[in-house]
N, C-alpha and C. Protein backbone atom coordinates (compact mmCIF):
# COMPACT_ATOMS: atom_id res chain seq x y z
N MET A 1 -13.96 -2.55 -19.16
CA MET A 1 -13.24 -1.80 -20.37
C MET A 1 -11.89 -0.99 -19.41
N PHE A 2 -12.27 -0.56 -18.12
CA PHE A 2 -10.71 0.65 -17.26
C PHE A 2 -9.84 -0.69 -17.04
N SER A 3 -10.04 -1.54 -16.95
CA SER A 3 -9.29 -2.92 -16.39
C SER A 3 -8.29 -3.26 -17.85
N ALA A 4 -8.87 -3.12 -19.27
CA ALA A 4 -8.43 -3.72 -20.18
C ALA A 4 -7.20 -2.61 -20.84
N ILE A 5 -7.63 -1.14 -20.47
CA ILE A 5 -6.82 -0.29 -20.60
C ILE A 5 -6.01 0.04 -19.59
N SER A 6 -6.23 0.00 -18.68
CA SER A 6 -5.11 -0.41 -17.39
C SER A 6 -4.33 -1.32 -17.66
N LYS A 7 -4.35 -2.88 -17.70
CA LYS A 7 -3.48 -3.85 -18.09
C LYS A 7 -2.31 -3.21 -19.24
N TRP A 8 -3.22 -2.60 -20.48
CA TRP A 8 -2.43 -2.20 -21.43
C TRP A 8 -1.54 -1.25 -21.17
N ILE A 9 -1.74 0.08 -20.42
CA ILE A 9 -1.00 0.94 -19.91
C ILE A 9 0.16 0.06 -19.14
N LEU A 10 0.06 -0.88 -18.32
CA LEU A 10 1.48 -0.92 -17.75
C LEU A 10 2.35 -1.88 -18.20
N ARG A 11 1.60 -2.56 -19.49
CA ARG A 11 2.65 -2.95 -20.40
C ARG A 11 2.95 -2.30 -21.38
N LEU A 12 2.03 -1.72 -21.59
CA LEU A 12 2.94 -0.38 -22.79
C LEU A 12 4.47 0.48 -21.91
N TRP A 13 3.75 0.59 -20.47
CA TRP A 13 5.20 0.99 -19.92
C TRP A 13 6.48 -0.06 -19.14
N GLY A 14 6.09 -1.32 -20.06
CA GLY A 14 6.76 -2.57 -19.68
C GLY A 14 6.84 -3.29 -17.87
N TRP A 15 6.07 -3.08 -17.54
CA TRP A 15 5.26 -3.73 -16.56
C TRP A 15 4.79 -5.27 -16.32
N LYS A 16 5.06 -5.86 -15.09
CA LYS A 16 4.47 -7.04 -15.05
C LYS A 16 4.15 -7.14 -13.48
N ILE A 17 3.10 -8.08 -13.27
CA ILE A 17 2.56 -8.10 -12.25
C ILE A 17 3.05 -9.32 -11.51
N GLU A 18 3.56 -9.87 -10.96
CA GLU A 18 4.15 -11.20 -10.22
C GLU A 18 3.06 -11.06 -8.66
N GLY A 19 3.14 -12.70 -8.63
CA GLY A 19 3.08 -12.98 -7.34
C GLY A 19 0.71 -12.96 -7.60
N GLN A 20 0.65 -13.59 -6.40
CA GLN A 20 -1.20 -13.19 -6.47
C GLN A 20 -1.96 -12.32 -5.41
N TYR A 21 -2.45 -11.70 -6.32
CA TYR A 21 -3.65 -10.21 -5.63
C TYR A 21 -4.61 -11.87 -4.50
N PRO A 22 -4.82 -11.39 -3.29
CA PRO A 22 -5.92 -11.72 -2.81
C PRO A 22 -7.24 -11.77 -2.79
N HIS A 23 -7.68 -11.86 -4.04
CA HIS A 23 -9.31 -11.86 -4.51
C HIS A 23 -10.83 -12.59 -3.57
N GLU A 24 -9.65 -13.55 -2.91
CA GLU A 24 -10.67 -14.69 -1.95
C GLU A 24 -10.62 -13.80 -0.44
N LEU A 25 -9.44 -13.51 -0.36
CA LEU A 25 -9.77 -12.56 1.51
C LEU A 25 -10.56 -11.15 1.34
N LYS A 26 -11.72 -11.40 2.24
CA LYS A 26 -12.29 -9.90 1.98
C LYS A 26 -11.80 -8.84 3.10
N LYS A 27 -10.58 -9.18 4.38
CA LYS A 27 -10.36 -8.17 5.02
C LYS A 27 -8.79 -8.32 4.30
N PHE A 28 -7.93 -7.34 4.26
CA PHE A 28 -6.25 -7.42 4.22
C PHE A 28 -6.21 -5.83 4.68
N VAL A 29 -4.11 -5.99 4.65
CA VAL A 29 -3.37 -4.66 4.97
C VAL A 29 -2.69 -4.87 3.84
N ILE A 30 -2.70 -4.07 2.83
CA ILE A 30 -1.80 -4.03 2.03
C ILE A 30 -0.29 -2.76 1.74
N ILE A 31 0.68 -3.27 1.83
CA ILE A 31 1.78 -2.69 2.31
C ILE A 31 2.73 -2.70 1.21
N VAL A 32 2.80 -1.03 0.91
CA VAL A 32 3.89 -0.32 -0.59
C VAL A 32 5.13 -0.32 -0.29
N VAL A 33 6.00 -0.99 -0.79
CA VAL A 33 7.30 -0.79 -0.43
C VAL A 33 8.19 -0.30 -1.82
N PRO A 34 9.24 0.22 -1.93
CA PRO A 34 8.84 1.35 -1.60
C PRO A 34 8.34 2.92 -2.38
N HIS A 35 8.31 3.41 -1.69
CA HIS A 35 7.69 4.84 -2.31
C HIS A 35 8.13 6.08 -2.09
N THR A 36 8.68 6.37 -3.69
CA THR A 36 9.73 7.27 -3.36
C THR A 36 9.59 8.69 -4.48
N SER A 37 8.59 8.58 -5.05
CA SER A 37 7.88 9.39 -6.07
C SER A 37 6.87 9.04 -6.21
N SER A 38 6.24 11.00 -6.30
CA SER A 38 4.50 10.70 -6.60
C SER A 38 4.46 10.03 -7.74
N TRP A 39 4.61 9.05 -8.52
CA TRP A 39 5.12 8.66 -9.55
C TRP A 39 4.50 6.54 -9.01
N ASP A 40 4.24 6.86 -7.69
CA ASP A 40 4.02 5.56 -6.92
C ASP A 40 2.39 5.63 -6.96
N PHE A 41 1.57 6.54 -7.31
CA PHE A 41 0.35 6.95 -7.03
C PHE A 41 -0.29 6.53 -8.36
N PRO A 42 0.05 6.99 -9.77
CA PRO A 42 -0.88 6.56 -10.66
C PRO A 42 -0.41 4.83 -11.06
N LEU A 43 0.95 4.27 -10.60
CA LEU A 43 0.87 3.42 -10.68
C LEU A 43 0.34 2.48 -9.81
N GLY A 44 -0.23 2.96 -9.02
CA GLY A 44 -0.51 1.82 -7.95
C GLY A 44 -2.04 1.35 -8.78
N VAL A 45 -2.97 3.10 -8.62
CA VAL A 45 -3.92 2.79 -9.86
C VAL A 45 -4.15 2.17 -10.82
N PHE A 46 -3.50 2.00 -11.67
CA PHE A 46 -3.49 1.34 -13.24
C PHE A 46 -3.23 0.18 -12.95
N VAL A 47 -2.18 -0.82 -11.20
CA VAL A 47 -2.25 -1.75 -10.90
C VAL A 47 -3.75 -2.52 -10.03
N ARG A 48 -4.00 -1.66 -9.44
CA ARG A 48 -5.76 -1.83 -9.15
C ARG A 48 -6.37 -2.27 -9.66
N SER A 49 -6.91 -1.21 -10.85
CA SER A 49 -8.21 -0.92 -12.12
C SER A 49 -7.61 -2.97 -12.80
N ALA A 50 -5.74 -2.89 -13.23
CA ALA A 50 -5.80 -3.92 -14.15
C ALA A 50 -6.46 -5.21 -13.54
N LEU A 51 -6.46 -5.51 -11.96
CA LEU A 51 -6.22 -6.57 -11.19
C LEU A 51 -8.33 -6.83 -10.60
N LYS A 52 -8.84 -5.60 -10.80
CA LYS A 52 -10.31 -5.43 -10.64
C LYS A 52 -10.40 -5.45 -9.68
N ALA A 53 -9.31 -4.91 -8.46
CA ALA A 53 -9.53 -4.93 -6.79
C ALA A 53 -10.18 -3.86 -6.50
N LYS A 54 -11.03 -3.68 -5.13
CA LYS A 54 -11.19 -2.33 -4.84
C LYS A 54 -10.48 -1.96 -3.55
N ILE A 55 -9.64 -1.63 -3.78
CA ILE A 55 -8.30 -0.89 -2.19
C ILE A 55 -8.73 0.11 -1.84
N LYS A 56 -8.76 0.81 -1.20
CA LYS A 56 -8.30 1.97 -0.23
C LYS A 56 -7.31 2.08 -0.10
N TYR A 57 -7.04 3.80 -0.20
CA TYR A 57 -6.20 3.96 0.56
C TYR A 57 -5.58 5.14 1.82
N VAL A 58 -4.66 5.67 2.57
CA VAL A 58 -4.60 6.20 3.38
C VAL A 58 -3.67 7.33 2.67
N GLY A 59 -3.91 8.63 2.64
CA GLY A 59 -2.76 10.27 1.82
C GLY A 59 -3.07 10.79 3.07
N LYS A 60 -1.94 11.86 3.13
CA LYS A 60 -1.89 13.05 3.65
C LYS A 60 -2.91 13.86 3.36
N ALA A 61 -3.65 14.52 4.07
CA ALA A 61 -4.73 15.39 4.03
C ALA A 61 -4.57 16.30 3.21
N SER A 62 -3.55 17.18 3.04
CA SER A 62 -3.41 17.94 2.10
C SER A 62 -3.40 18.40 0.86
N LEU A 63 -3.61 16.46 0.52
CA LEU A 63 -4.08 16.26 -1.02
C LEU A 63 -5.68 15.73 -1.12
N PHE A 64 -6.82 15.85 -0.31
CA PHE A 64 -7.76 15.83 -0.32
C PHE A 64 -8.42 16.96 -0.23
N ARG A 65 -7.95 18.17 -0.25
CA ARG A 65 -8.01 19.73 -0.20
C ARG A 65 -8.50 20.17 -1.48
N PRO A 66 -9.53 21.36 -2.05
CA PRO A 66 -9.75 21.79 -3.22
C PRO A 66 -8.34 22.12 -3.65
N PRO A 67 -8.71 22.68 -5.05
CA PRO A 67 -9.33 21.73 -5.95
C PRO A 67 -9.30 20.59 -6.43
N PHE A 68 -8.39 19.66 -6.04
CA PHE A 68 -8.75 17.68 -6.48
C PHE A 68 -8.60 17.12 -5.81
N GLY A 69 -9.34 17.78 -4.37
CA GLY A 69 -9.79 16.68 -3.53
C GLY A 69 -10.07 15.45 -3.65
N TRP A 70 -11.65 15.71 -4.26
CA TRP A 70 -12.59 15.30 -4.54
C TRP A 70 -11.84 13.83 -5.41
N ILE A 71 -10.56 14.48 -6.66
CA ILE A 71 -10.44 13.20 -7.54
C ILE A 71 -9.32 11.98 -6.29
N PHE A 72 -9.19 12.62 -5.33
CA PHE A 72 -8.30 11.24 -4.43
C PHE A 72 -9.20 10.69 -3.41
N ARG A 73 -10.64 11.03 -3.20
CA ARG A 73 -11.92 10.96 -2.39
C ARG A 73 -12.45 9.76 -3.55
N ALA A 74 -12.79 10.26 -4.70
CA ALA A 74 -13.00 9.08 -6.28
C ALA A 74 -12.38 8.10 -5.79
N LEU A 75 -11.51 7.88 -6.26
CA LEU A 75 -9.63 7.37 -6.25
C LEU A 75 -10.14 5.93 -5.13
N GLY A 76 -10.59 6.52 -4.09
CA GLY A 76 -10.81 5.80 -2.98
C GLY A 76 -9.62 5.84 -1.49
N GLY A 77 -9.23 7.14 -1.37
CA GLY A 77 -9.04 7.78 -0.56
C GLY A 77 -9.51 7.92 0.86
N TYR A 78 -8.81 7.73 1.90
CA TYR A 78 -8.63 8.01 3.20
C TYR A 78 -7.94 9.20 3.67
N PRO A 79 -8.13 10.37 3.67
CA PRO A 79 -6.95 11.48 4.09
C PRO A 79 -7.02 11.25 5.93
N VAL A 80 -5.98 11.39 5.90
CA VAL A 80 -4.67 11.42 7.51
C VAL A 80 -4.34 12.69 7.59
N ASP A 81 -4.65 13.56 8.79
CA ASP A 81 -3.98 14.58 8.92
C ASP A 81 -2.91 14.17 10.09
N ARG A 82 -1.61 14.49 9.72
CA ARG A 82 -0.36 13.89 10.15
C ARG A 82 -0.01 15.01 11.89
N ARG A 83 -0.40 15.99 11.54
CA ARG A 83 -0.11 16.90 12.60
C ARG A 83 -0.95 16.46 13.65
N LYS A 84 -1.70 16.20 13.65
CA LYS A 84 -3.06 16.50 15.13
C LYS A 84 -2.57 14.29 15.38
N ARG A 85 -1.87 14.37 16.56
CA ARG A 85 -2.00 13.62 17.56
C ARG A 85 -3.64 12.71 17.90
N SER A 86 -3.66 12.35 17.14
CA SER A 86 -5.40 10.63 17.30
C SER A 86 -4.53 9.07 16.93
N ASN A 87 -5.30 9.12 17.52
CA ASN A 87 -5.49 7.07 17.20
C ASN A 87 -5.64 6.67 15.97
N PHE A 88 -5.23 7.23 15.25
CA PHE A 88 -5.34 6.19 13.65
C PHE A 88 -5.32 4.69 13.48
N VAL A 89 -4.28 4.33 14.41
CA VAL A 89 -4.25 3.21 14.31
C VAL A 89 -5.70 2.33 14.23
N ASP A 90 -6.51 3.00 15.91
CA ASP A 90 -8.08 2.44 16.19
C ASP A 90 -8.98 3.01 15.16
N ALA A 91 -8.89 3.69 14.52
CA ALA A 91 -9.95 4.29 13.82
C ALA A 91 -9.92 3.79 12.80
N VAL A 92 -8.72 3.20 12.17
CA VAL A 92 -8.74 2.00 11.08
C VAL A 92 -9.29 0.62 11.39
N VAL A 93 -9.04 0.57 12.29
CA VAL A 93 -9.12 -0.91 13.04
C VAL A 93 -10.89 -0.95 13.08
N ASP A 94 -11.53 -0.10 13.31
CA ASP A 94 -13.00 0.60 13.24
C ASP A 94 -13.68 0.25 12.26
N ILE A 95 -13.00 0.96 11.19
CA ILE A 95 -13.15 0.59 9.72
C ILE A 95 -13.29 -1.07 9.14
N PHE A 96 -12.67 -1.80 9.62
CA PHE A 96 -12.48 -3.23 9.19
C PHE A 96 -13.25 -3.81 9.95
N ASN A 97 -13.11 -3.52 10.84
CA ASN A 97 -15.23 -4.04 12.00
C ASN A 97 -16.41 -3.66 11.45
N ARG A 98 -15.89 -2.32 10.68
CA ARG A 98 -17.81 -1.88 10.63
C ARG A 98 -17.35 -2.56 9.05
N GLU A 99 -16.74 -2.86 7.92
CA GLU A 99 -17.27 -2.99 7.11
C GLU A 99 -17.09 -4.65 6.49
N GLU A 100 -17.50 -5.32 5.71
CA GLU A 100 -18.07 -5.96 5.36
C GLU A 100 -16.72 -7.20 5.06
N LYS A 101 -16.19 -6.09 3.67
CA LYS A 101 -14.79 -6.37 2.39
C LYS A 101 -14.26 -4.76 2.42
N PHE A 102 -13.10 -5.20 3.03
CA PHE A 102 -12.36 -4.04 3.07
C PHE A 102 -10.64 -3.67 2.70
N ALA A 103 -9.90 -3.73 1.80
CA ALA A 103 -8.87 -3.88 1.82
C ALA A 103 -7.74 -2.49 1.88
N LEU A 104 -7.04 -2.25 2.60
CA LEU A 104 -6.09 -0.62 2.32
C LEU A 104 -5.41 -0.61 2.07
N THR A 105 -4.60 0.16 1.20
CA THR A 105 -2.89 -0.03 0.95
C THR A 105 -2.59 1.06 1.71
N ILE A 106 -1.22 0.77 2.57
CA ILE A 106 -0.40 1.91 3.29
C ILE A 106 1.19 1.85 2.37
N ALA A 107 1.73 3.13 2.26
CA ALA A 107 3.21 3.17 2.28
C ALA A 107 3.66 3.39 3.81
N PRO A 108 4.19 2.31 4.77
CA PRO A 108 4.89 2.08 5.63
C PRO A 108 6.17 3.02 5.83
N GLU A 109 6.58 3.38 4.72
CA GLU A 109 7.90 4.11 5.31
C GLU A 109 7.47 5.73 5.64
N GLY A 110 6.29 6.18 5.00
CA GLY A 110 5.75 7.71 5.07
C GLY A 110 6.15 8.57 5.02
N THR A 111 6.65 8.09 4.09
CA THR A 111 7.60 9.68 2.98
C THR A 111 7.84 9.26 2.18
N ARG A 112 7.91 9.42 0.87
CA ARG A 112 9.48 9.65 0.05
C ARG A 112 10.54 9.84 -0.07
N GLN A 113 10.97 10.31 1.10
CA GLN A 113 12.28 9.99 0.95
C GLN A 113 13.05 8.69 1.73
N LYS A 114 14.24 8.68 2.36
CA LYS A 114 14.50 7.38 2.26
C LYS A 114 15.07 7.58 4.01
N VAL A 115 14.46 5.51 4.25
CA VAL A 115 14.22 5.73 5.79
C VAL A 115 15.25 4.31 6.09
N GLU A 116 15.18 4.12 7.36
CA GLU A 116 15.87 3.03 7.28
C GLU A 116 14.96 1.71 7.98
N LYS A 117 14.52 2.27 8.74
CA LYS A 117 12.88 1.34 9.79
C LYS A 117 11.87 1.61 8.65
N LEU A 118 10.69 0.37 8.43
CA LEU A 118 9.40 1.10 8.17
C LEU A 118 8.57 1.84 9.80
N LYS A 119 7.31 2.42 9.23
CA LYS A 119 6.78 2.75 10.61
C LYS A 119 5.81 0.93 10.93
N THR A 120 5.35 1.13 12.14
CA THR A 120 4.44 -0.23 12.59
C THR A 120 2.97 0.21 12.69
N GLY A 121 2.50 1.27 12.23
CA GLY A 121 1.05 1.42 12.47
C GLY A 121 0.04 0.55 11.34
N PHE A 122 0.71 -0.16 10.25
CA PHE A 122 0.15 -0.83 9.54
C PHE A 122 -0.16 -2.43 10.11
N TYR A 123 1.07 -2.19 11.27
CA TYR A 123 1.39 -3.53 11.31
C TYR A 123 0.33 -3.98 12.92
N TYR A 124 0.05 -2.93 13.16
CA TYR A 124 -0.96 -2.87 14.93
C TYR A 124 -2.31 -2.91 14.04
N ILE A 125 -2.61 -2.06 12.55
CA ILE A 125 -4.22 -1.78 12.15
C ILE A 125 -4.53 -3.80 12.18
N ALA A 126 -3.49 -4.50 11.46
CA ALA A 126 -3.74 -5.51 10.94
C ALA A 126 -3.84 -6.64 12.07
N LEU A 127 -2.96 -5.90 13.17
CA LEU A 127 -2.87 -6.54 14.35
C LEU A 127 -4.26 -6.80 15.13
N GLY A 128 -4.78 -5.51 15.60
CA GLY A 128 -6.26 -5.16 15.83
C GLY A 128 -7.15 -5.87 15.16
N ALA A 129 -7.29 -5.85 13.62
CA ALA A 129 -8.47 -5.93 12.94
C ALA A 129 -8.55 -7.24 12.47
N GLN A 130 -6.94 -7.95 13.16
CA GLN A 130 -7.02 -9.44 12.74
C GLN A 130 -7.48 -9.98 11.43
N VAL A 131 -6.67 -9.27 10.97
CA VAL A 131 -6.44 -9.78 9.37
C VAL A 131 -5.13 -9.86 8.65
N PRO A 132 -4.27 -10.38 8.19
CA PRO A 132 -3.41 -10.46 7.06
C PRO A 132 -2.82 -9.04 6.46
N ILE A 133 -1.71 -9.27 6.41
CA ILE A 133 -0.60 -8.43 5.58
C ILE A 133 -0.34 -8.85 4.15
N VAL A 134 -0.34 -8.05 3.32
CA VAL A 134 -0.43 -8.77 1.87
C VAL A 134 1.29 -7.30 1.39
N MET A 135 2.81 -7.96 1.09
CA MET A 135 3.25 -7.14 0.79
C MET A 135 3.65 -6.66 -0.34
N VAL A 136 3.74 -5.85 -0.62
CA VAL A 136 3.74 -5.45 -2.14
C VAL A 136 5.06 -4.30 -2.20
N LYS A 137 5.63 -5.16 -4.21
CA LYS A 137 6.58 -4.69 -4.20
C LYS A 137 6.40 -3.88 -5.63
N PHE A 138 7.01 -1.93 -5.09
CA PHE A 138 7.05 -1.75 -6.42
C PHE A 138 8.38 -1.63 -7.01
N ASP A 139 8.71 -2.34 -7.95
CA ASP A 139 10.53 -2.65 -8.40
C ASP A 139 10.88 -1.56 -9.43
N TRP A 140 10.61 -0.36 -9.69
CA TRP A 140 11.03 0.48 -10.24
C TRP A 140 12.31 0.03 -11.51
N GLY A 141 13.54 -0.84 -10.77
CA GLY A 141 14.38 -1.52 -11.89
C GLY A 141 13.56 -2.38 -12.31
N LYS A 142 13.08 -3.63 -12.24
CA LYS A 142 13.02 -4.51 -12.98
C LYS A 142 11.55 -4.44 -13.17
N LYS A 143 10.79 -3.25 -12.99
CA LYS A 143 9.28 -3.24 -13.55
C LYS A 143 8.13 -4.27 -13.39
N ILE A 144 8.83 -4.53 -11.86
CA ILE A 144 7.43 -6.10 -11.31
C ILE A 144 7.12 -4.77 -10.21
N VAL A 145 5.68 -5.22 -10.27
CA VAL A 145 4.84 -5.18 -8.91
C VAL A 145 4.93 -6.46 -7.74
N GLY A 146 5.36 -6.77 -7.20
CA GLY A 146 5.34 -7.74 -6.75
C GLY A 146 4.12 -8.10 -5.31
N PHE A 147 3.19 -9.42 -5.74
CA PHE A 147 2.65 -9.80 -4.08
C PHE A 147 3.07 -10.61 -3.56
N SER A 148 2.93 -10.64 -1.85
CA SER A 148 3.69 -11.85 -1.40
C SER A 148 2.35 -12.50 -1.37
N GLN A 149 2.40 -13.87 -0.64
CA GLN A 149 1.20 -14.30 -0.36
C GLN A 149 0.72 -13.62 1.37
N PRO A 150 -0.28 -14.23 1.82
CA PRO A 150 -0.97 -13.20 2.97
C PRO A 150 0.12 -13.63 4.23
N PHE A 151 0.47 -12.99 4.93
CA PHE A 151 1.59 -12.88 6.09
C PHE A 151 0.10 -12.85 7.31
N TYR A 152 0.29 -13.06 8.68
CA TYR A 152 -0.79 -13.49 9.46
C TYR A 152 0.10 -12.65 10.58
N PRO A 153 -0.27 -11.80 11.25
CA PRO A 153 1.20 -10.62 12.40
C PRO A 153 0.81 -11.77 13.43
N SER A 154 2.11 -12.40 14.29
CA SER A 154 1.78 -13.33 14.81
C SER A 154 2.26 -12.49 16.64
N GLY A 155 2.32 -11.29 16.67
CA GLY A 155 2.57 -10.31 18.01
C GLY A 155 3.55 -9.62 18.56
N SER A 156 4.47 -10.66 18.00
CA SER A 156 6.21 -10.67 18.25
C SER A 156 6.54 -10.23 17.45
N ILE A 157 6.41 -8.25 17.11
CA ILE A 157 6.94 -7.02 16.13
C ILE A 157 7.85 -7.63 15.95
N GLY A 158 9.17 -7.74 16.80
CA GLY A 158 10.66 -7.93 16.11
C GLY A 158 10.57 -8.26 15.05
N GLU A 159 10.15 -10.35 15.48
CA GLU A 159 10.39 -11.01 14.39
C GLU A 159 9.35 -10.47 13.60
N ASP A 160 8.23 -10.23 13.57
CA ASP A 160 7.94 -10.43 12.09
C ASP A 160 8.19 -9.26 11.17
N MET A 161 8.35 -7.39 11.96
CA MET A 161 9.52 -6.88 11.28
C MET A 161 10.90 -7.18 10.49
N LYS A 162 11.03 -7.92 10.86
CA LYS A 162 12.21 -8.85 10.51
C LYS A 162 12.41 -9.27 9.04
N PHE A 163 10.96 -10.25 9.47
CA PHE A 163 10.70 -10.75 8.02
C PHE A 163 10.04 -9.84 7.04
N ILE A 164 9.34 -8.79 7.39
CA ILE A 164 8.81 -7.96 6.51
C ILE A 164 9.93 -7.35 5.48
N GLU A 165 10.60 -6.49 6.71
CA GLU A 165 11.51 -5.85 5.89
C GLU A 165 12.27 -6.38 5.06
N GLN A 166 12.63 -7.76 4.97
CA GLN A 166 13.79 -8.28 4.71
C GLN A 166 12.95 -8.79 3.40
N TYR A 167 11.86 -8.60 2.95
CA TYR A 167 10.63 -9.35 1.75
C TYR A 167 11.10 -8.01 0.82
N TYR A 168 11.56 -6.90 1.60
CA TYR A 168 11.80 -5.50 0.24
C TYR A 168 13.37 -5.18 -0.03
N ARG A 169 14.43 -6.11 0.85
CA ARG A 169 15.76 -5.32 0.48
C ARG A 169 16.25 -6.14 -0.87
N GLY A 170 16.67 -5.04 -1.22
CA GLY A 170 17.30 -4.69 -2.60
C GLY A 170 16.17 -4.32 -3.84
N VAL A 171 15.02 -3.99 -3.30
CA VAL A 171 13.90 -3.47 -4.48
C VAL A 171 14.39 -2.03 -4.61
N LYS A 172 14.67 -1.20 -5.84
CA LYS A 172 15.08 -0.19 -5.60
C LYS A 172 13.35 0.39 -6.58
N GLY A 173 13.13 1.64 -5.84
CA GLY A 173 11.98 2.52 -5.69
C GLY A 173 12.28 3.55 -7.45
N LYS A 174 11.47 3.78 -7.65
CA LYS A 174 11.31 5.04 -9.07
C LYS A 174 13.21 6.01 -8.74
N ASN A 175 13.46 6.84 -7.35
CA ASN A 175 14.26 7.21 -7.04
C ASN A 175 15.20 6.17 -6.33
N ALA A 176 16.40 5.75 -6.88
CA ALA A 176 16.35 4.54 -6.49
C ALA A 176 17.32 5.10 -4.64
N ALA A 177 18.32 6.09 -5.70
CA ALA A 177 18.58 6.35 -3.44
C ALA A 177 18.14 6.53 -2.56
N ASN A 178 16.15 6.88 -2.83
CA ASN A 178 15.57 6.31 -1.65
C ASN A 178 15.10 5.65 -1.24
N SER A 179 15.60 4.44 -1.51
CA SER A 179 15.17 2.97 -2.07
C SER A 179 14.71 2.62 -0.58
N PHE A 180 13.56 1.77 0.37
CA PHE A 180 14.76 1.23 1.51
C PHE A 180 15.18 0.79 1.83
N GLY A 181 15.78 0.21 2.80
CA GLY A 181 16.70 -0.58 3.69
C GLY A 181 18.08 -0.25 3.42
């Protein structure tokens, strides 16, 4: 029922989903770019529901505090305290190794502000957990959520990041001036 409602809302808002969500994969990292607005979160929740996908996400720790923190946890969130210098990559790799099925979404810009380079934590998580990366674009200009084929990192981060960043060139976020690239 929620899936049908989510599909209806996405159509009402004028959004289309392109590409295929990899239901056949047990474990993978999803990166969503651009992340320029707080509206990206509800869009992602509706897309996840429409696809009947069990996707977790990470968010800044302040979102998980009372009075609304329980909502973000209930929606599959894992809090990240960016003020602490901890080995986040290793902690997430441990989750991948522990779980039989696990899909995690990360916004590799790390902010809703304009960035020229993506952060690389997602890459090292995928490499450490030996899982593919699925690139997803939230193109607010065309109202398209686009899914790439699964991409398996080679370990050559320079070449792989060029490929990944090229996938997102020209994609417009809700706040177009803050779009990646």
